[in-house]
Amino acid sequence: MPSILVVDDDPALLRLVAVLLRTEHYEVRVASGGREALGLLRISTPSAVLLDLSMPEMDGREFYVAAREAGYAGPVVICSAYGAQAAVADLGADAAINKPFDTVELLDTVSQVVGV
């Protein structure tokens, strides 16, 4: 079963995305910030990361760089209201989804990057 790490500081969005992905048979872990997500990466390697850019303490760009430096080589999908496409180009992420997102678009994008 593919696993997805969802990183976002919005608790309601974390719950929504987790339920949505679980109904599609993904194993889901959630983190409310970059530091927490890095800790989860030390425990297990997800099939993909769904990443918000705008978070306090450690934003999505900082997390992306730190995750790559820590050895995570899997796909990253940027999910943000501002600058998602630009972040893909700047960071080399695998895909982008603009917030607010369409649930079908989210599921299709995750499926594509995971290869399901």
C-alpha atoms as a PDB file:
ATOM      1  CA  MET A   1       0.000   0.000   0.000  1.00  0.00           C
ATOM      2  CA  PRO A   2       1.525   3.379  -0.990  1.00  0.00           C
ATOM      3  CA  SER A   3       2.083   5.824   1.840  1.00  0.00           C
ATOM      4  CA  ILE A   4       1.684   9.588   1.748  1.00  0.00           C
ATOM      5  CA  LEU A   5       3.107  12.132   4.184  1.00  0.00           C
ATOM      6  CA  VAL A   6       0.883  15.218   4.275  1.00  0.00           C
ATOM      7  CA  VAL A   7       2.595  18.334   5.656  1.00  0.00           C
ATOM      8  CA  ASP A   8       0.368  21.347   6.366  1.00  0.00           C
ATOM      9  CA  ASP A   9      -0.227  23.665   9.314  1.00  0.00           C
ATOM     10  CA  ASP A  10      -4.015  23.716   8.796  1.00  0.00           C
ATOM     11  CA  PRO A  11      -5.555  20.972  11.012  1.00  0.00           C
ATOM     12  CA  ALA A  12      -8.848  20.915   9.071  1.00  0.00           C
ATOM     13  CA  LEU A  13      -7.013  20.461   5.763  1.00  0.00           C
ATOM     14  CA  LEU A  14      -4.849  17.699   7.256  1.00  0.00           C
ATOM     15  CA  ARG A  15      -7.973  15.811   8.367  1.00  0.00           C
ATOM     16  CA  LEU A  16      -9.711  16.304   5.014  1.00  0.00           C
ATOM     17  CA  VAL A  17      -6.753  15.171   2.922  1.00  0.00           C
ATOM     18  CA  ALA A  18      -6.050  12.229   5.228  1.00  0.00           C
ATOM     19  CA  VAL A  19      -9.642  10.968   4.974  1.00  0.00           C
ATOM     20  CA  LEU A  20      -9.669  11.488   1.211  1.00  0.00           C
ATOM     21  CA  LEU A  21      -6.421   9.582   0.678  1.00  0.00           C
ATOM     22  CA  ARG A  22      -7.375   6.782   3.075  1.00  0.00           C
ATOM     23  CA  THR A  23     -10.609   6.183   1.158  1.00  0.00           C
ATOM     24  CA  GLU A  24      -8.365   5.590  -1.868  1.00  0.00           C
ATOM     25  CA  HIS A  25      -6.344   3.013   0.113  1.00  0.00           C
ATOM     26  CA  TYR A  26      -3.256   5.075   0.854  1.00  0.00           C
ATOM     27  CA  GLU A  27      -1.500   4.825   4.176  1.00  0.00           C
ATOM     28  CA  VAL A  28      -1.396   8.397   5.464  1.00  0.00           C
ATOM     29  CA  ARG A  29       0.802  10.156   7.998  1.00  0.00           C
ATOM     30  CA  VAL A  30       0.286  13.821   8.801  1.00  0.00           C
ATOM     31  CA  ALA A  31       2.593  16.516  10.132  1.00  0.00           C
ATOM     32  CA  SER A  32       1.588  20.023  11.138  1.00  0.00           C
ATOM     33  CA  GLY A  33       4.968  21.476  10.229  1.00  0.00           C
ATOM     34  CA  GLY A  34       8.329  20.879   8.626  1.00  0.00           C
ATOM     35  CA  ARG A  35      10.193  19.852  11.775  1.00  0.00           C
ATOM     36  CA  GLU A  36       7.575  17.255  12.669  1.00  0.00           C
ATOM     37  CA  ALA A  37       7.650  15.957   9.084  1.00  0.00           C
ATOM     38  CA  LEU A  38      11.440  15.573   9.179  1.00  0.00           C
ATOM     39  CA  GLY A  39      11.037  13.481  12.317  1.00  0.00           C
ATOM     40  CA  LEU A  40       8.553  11.239  10.514  1.00  0.00           C
ATOM     41  CA  LEU A  41      10.960  10.852   7.585  1.00  0.00           C
ATOM     42  CA  ARG A  42      13.535   9.473  10.030  1.00  0.00           C
ATOM     43  CA  ILE A  43      11.065   6.742  11.025  1.00  0.00           C
ATOM     44  CA  SER A  44       9.781   5.720   7.590  1.00  0.00           C
ATOM     45  CA  THR A  45      10.036   6.658   3.947  1.00  0.00           C
ATOM     46  CA  PRO A  46       6.705   7.594   2.338  1.00  0.00           C
ATOM     47  CA  SER A  47       5.872   6.890  -1.284  1.00  0.00           C
ATOM     48  CA  ALA A  48       5.249  10.644  -1.706  1.00  0.00           C
ATOM     49  CA  VAL A  49       5.020  13.899   0.246  1.00  0.00           C
ATOM     50  CA  LEU A  50       2.164  16.378  -0.159  1.00  0.00           C
ATOM     51  CA  LEU A  51       3.651  19.685   1.026  1.00  0.00           C
ATOM     52  CA  ASP A  52       2.262  23.120   1.878  1.00  0.00           C
ATOM     53  CA  LEU A  53       4.663  26.011   1.319  1.00  0.00           C
ATOM     54  CA  SER A  54       3.441  28.530   3.879  1.00  0.00           C
ATOM     55  CA  MET A  55       3.987  27.238   7.409  1.00  0.00           C
ATOM     56  CA  PRO A  56       5.455  28.808  10.552  1.00  0.00           C
ATOM     57  CA  GLU A  57       8.889  27.849  11.930  1.00  0.00           C
ATOM     58  CA  MET A  58       9.999  25.806   8.891  1.00  0.00           C
ATOM     59  CA  ASP A  59       8.249  26.594   5.647  1.00  0.00           C
ATOM     60  CA  GLY A  60       7.752  24.151   2.796  1.00  0.00           C
ATOM     61  CA  ARG A  61      10.805  25.298   0.866  1.00  0.00           C
ATOM     62  CA  GLU A  62      13.046  24.802   3.903  1.00  0.00           C
ATOM     63  CA  PHE A  63      11.497  21.393   4.545  1.00  0.00           C
ATOM     64  CA  TYR A  64      12.010  20.362   0.913  1.00  0.00           C
ATOM     65  CA  VAL A  65      15.721  21.191   1.042  1.00  0.00           C
ATOM     66  CA  ALA A  66      16.167  19.530   4.456  1.00  0.00           C
ATOM     67  CA  ALA A  67      14.297  16.396   3.340  1.00  0.00           C
ATOM     68  CA  ARG A  68      16.491  16.033   0.261  1.00  0.00           C
ATOM     69  CA  GLU A  69      19.626  16.598   2.353  1.00  0.00           C
ATOM     70  CA  ALA A  70      18.376  13.902   4.756  1.00  0.00           C
ATOM     71  CA  GLY A  71      18.145  11.458   1.847  1.00  0.00           C
ATOM     72  CA  TYR A  72      14.461  11.494   0.914  1.00  0.00           C
ATOM     73  CA  ALA A  73      14.417  10.966  -2.854  1.00  0.00           C
ATOM     74  CA  GLY A  74      10.705  10.284  -3.405  1.00  0.00           C
ATOM     75  CA  PRO A  75       8.209  12.517  -5.166  1.00  0.00           C
ATOM     76  CA  VAL A  76       7.034  15.774  -3.606  1.00  0.00           C
ATOM     77  CA  VAL A  77       3.778  17.494  -4.569  1.00  0.00           C
ATOM     78  CA  ILE A  78       3.579  21.168  -3.638  1.00  0.00           C
ATOM     79  CA  CYS A  79       0.073  22.087  -2.486  1.00  0.00           C
ATOM     80  CA  SER A  80      -0.214  25.816  -1.859  1.00  0.00           C
ATOM     81  CA  ALA A  81      -2.401  28.850  -2.423  1.00  0.00           C
ATOM     82  CA  TYR A  82       0.591  30.948  -3.449  1.00  0.00           C
ATOM     83  CA  GLY A  83       3.479  30.034  -5.707  1.00  0.00           C
ATOM     84  CA  ALA A  84       2.960  26.301  -6.115  1.00  0.00           C
ATOM     85  CA  GLN A  85       4.010  26.246  -9.772  1.00  0.00           C
ATOM     86  CA  ALA A  86       6.991  28.536  -9.154  1.00  0.00           C
ATOM     87  CA  ALA A  87       8.127  26.321  -6.269  1.00  0.00           C
ATOM     88  CA  VAL A  88       8.064  23.275  -8.529  1.00  0.00           C
ATOM     89  CA  ALA A  89      10.371  25.073 -10.949  1.00  0.00           C
ATOM     90  CA  ASP A  90      12.642  26.481  -8.222  1.00  0.00           C
ATOM     91  CA  LEU A  91      12.943  23.342  -6.119  1.00  0.00           C
ATOM     92  CA  GLY A  92      12.537  20.595  -8.686  1.00  0.00           C
ATOM     93  CA  ALA A  93       9.437  19.157  -7.036  1.00  0.00           C
ATOM     94  CA  ASP A  94       7.407  16.631  -8.988  1.00  0.00           C
ATOM     95  CA  ALA A  95       4.025  18.363  -9.225  1.00  0.00           C
ATOM     96  CA  ALA A  96       1.910  21.220  -7.918  1.00  0.00           C
ATOM     97  CA  ILE A  97      -1.683  21.645  -6.833  1.00  0.00           C
ATOM     98  CA  ASN A  98      -3.143  25.067  -6.206  1.00  0.00           C
ATOM     99  CA  LYS A  99      -5.297  25.652  -3.122  1.00  0.00           C
ATOM    100  CA  PRO A 100      -8.196  25.554  -2.960  1.00  0.00           C
ATOM    101  CA  PHE A 101      -7.940  22.269  -4.809  1.00  0.00           C
ATOM    102  CA  ASP A 102     -10.373  19.966  -6.503  1.00  0.00           C
ATOM    103  CA  THR A 103     -10.391  16.557  -4.796  1.00  0.00           C
ATOM    104  CA  VAL A 104     -10.255  14.719  -8.131  1.00  0.00           C
ATOM    105  CA  GLU A 105      -7.201  16.751  -9.135  1.00  0.00           C
ATOM    106  CA  LEU A 106      -5.531  15.953  -5.818  1.00  0.00           C
ATOM    107  CA  LEU A 107      -6.164  12.216  -6.143  1.00  0.00           C
ATOM    108  CA  ASP A 108      -5.105  12.155  -9.797  1.00  0.00           C
ATOM    109  CA  THR A 109      -1.877  14.018  -9.054  1.00  0.00           C
ATOM    110  CA  VAL A 110      -0.983  11.775  -6.106  1.00  0.00           C
ATOM    111  CA  SER A 111      -1.751   8.690  -8.159  1.00  0.00           C
ATOM    112  CA  GLN A 112       0.468   9.921 -10.993  1.00  0.00           C
ATOM    113  CA  VAL A 113       3.489  10.679  -8.830  1.00  0.00           C
ATOM    114  CA  VAL A 114       3.175   7.440  -6.877  1.00  0.00           C
ATOM    115  CA  GLY A 115       2.678   5.439 -10.058  1.00  0.00           C
ATOM    116  CA  VAL A 116      -0.566   3.745  -9.056  1.00  0.00           C
END
